[in-house]
Amino acid sequence: MLHDLDVYWIGGSPCSGKSTFAEKIEKDFDMDYYKIDDHLERFMEEGAKKNIKILKMFHEMNLDETWLRDIQTQVIDEFDFYRQTFQFIKKEIIENYNGKPIITEGAALLPELMDKHEIPDEKYVCITPTAEFQLKHFKKRKWIDYYLSDCSNPQKAYNNWMQRDIKFAKIVKKQAKKREKNYIEMDGSKPVQKTYNKIKTIFNLKKKIYEI
């Protein structure tokens, strides 16, 4: 079972610094790093083959169908997508676990899923950005223009994307608060190191916990 493994989970919403903190933990504490976003395309393909409705839909949609839809529908579908994706994440982590601690991160790690799979609170932290923080930092991702270049209306697609993520973050924040999860809101007012120290405290990481 997942809760029996030495795995640390960073969930939340996009553009909140999850990967930055996971990479630092990987380096500082010699953990394996399981970056969920790197596997989502493959999980969509597997889900489509298994005829899992939401994964098949995402796998088959083009950019217009993905980003020019009603924003509220996008938010609902995003939660459904992550709920259905988690079975693949769970299976892969369990099958590849070799006793070495793992740090994993991704928006798929919803507070509700952490409860469902009995992940200890001391091994989970949820991070979401304020809207202002998200909009500021998302613009720095230079691959966005290339990614949306085949969309019939790239600007509308981008705006919808941002609004979807802002709404997604609000719901995830509400979930984390309601379930009393370790929660951090990124607004840019605190040094990154201070937030990193808080995460290390939550995870009780004080020294390297694995030696080769």
Foldseek 3Di string as FASTA:
>chain_A
DVQVAQEFEEAFFPLFCLVVLQVVCCVFQVFAEDEPVVCLLVLLVVCLVVVVPLSVVVNPDDLCRQQVDDLVVNLVSVLVSLVVSVVVVVVVCVVPDDRGYYYYYDNSPFLVVCVVVVHDLLRYEYEEEALVSRVVVVVVPVCLCVRQVPPPDSVSSVVSVSVSRNVNNVVSVVSCVVVVHHYDYDYPPDDPVVVSVVNCVSNVPDHHPDDD
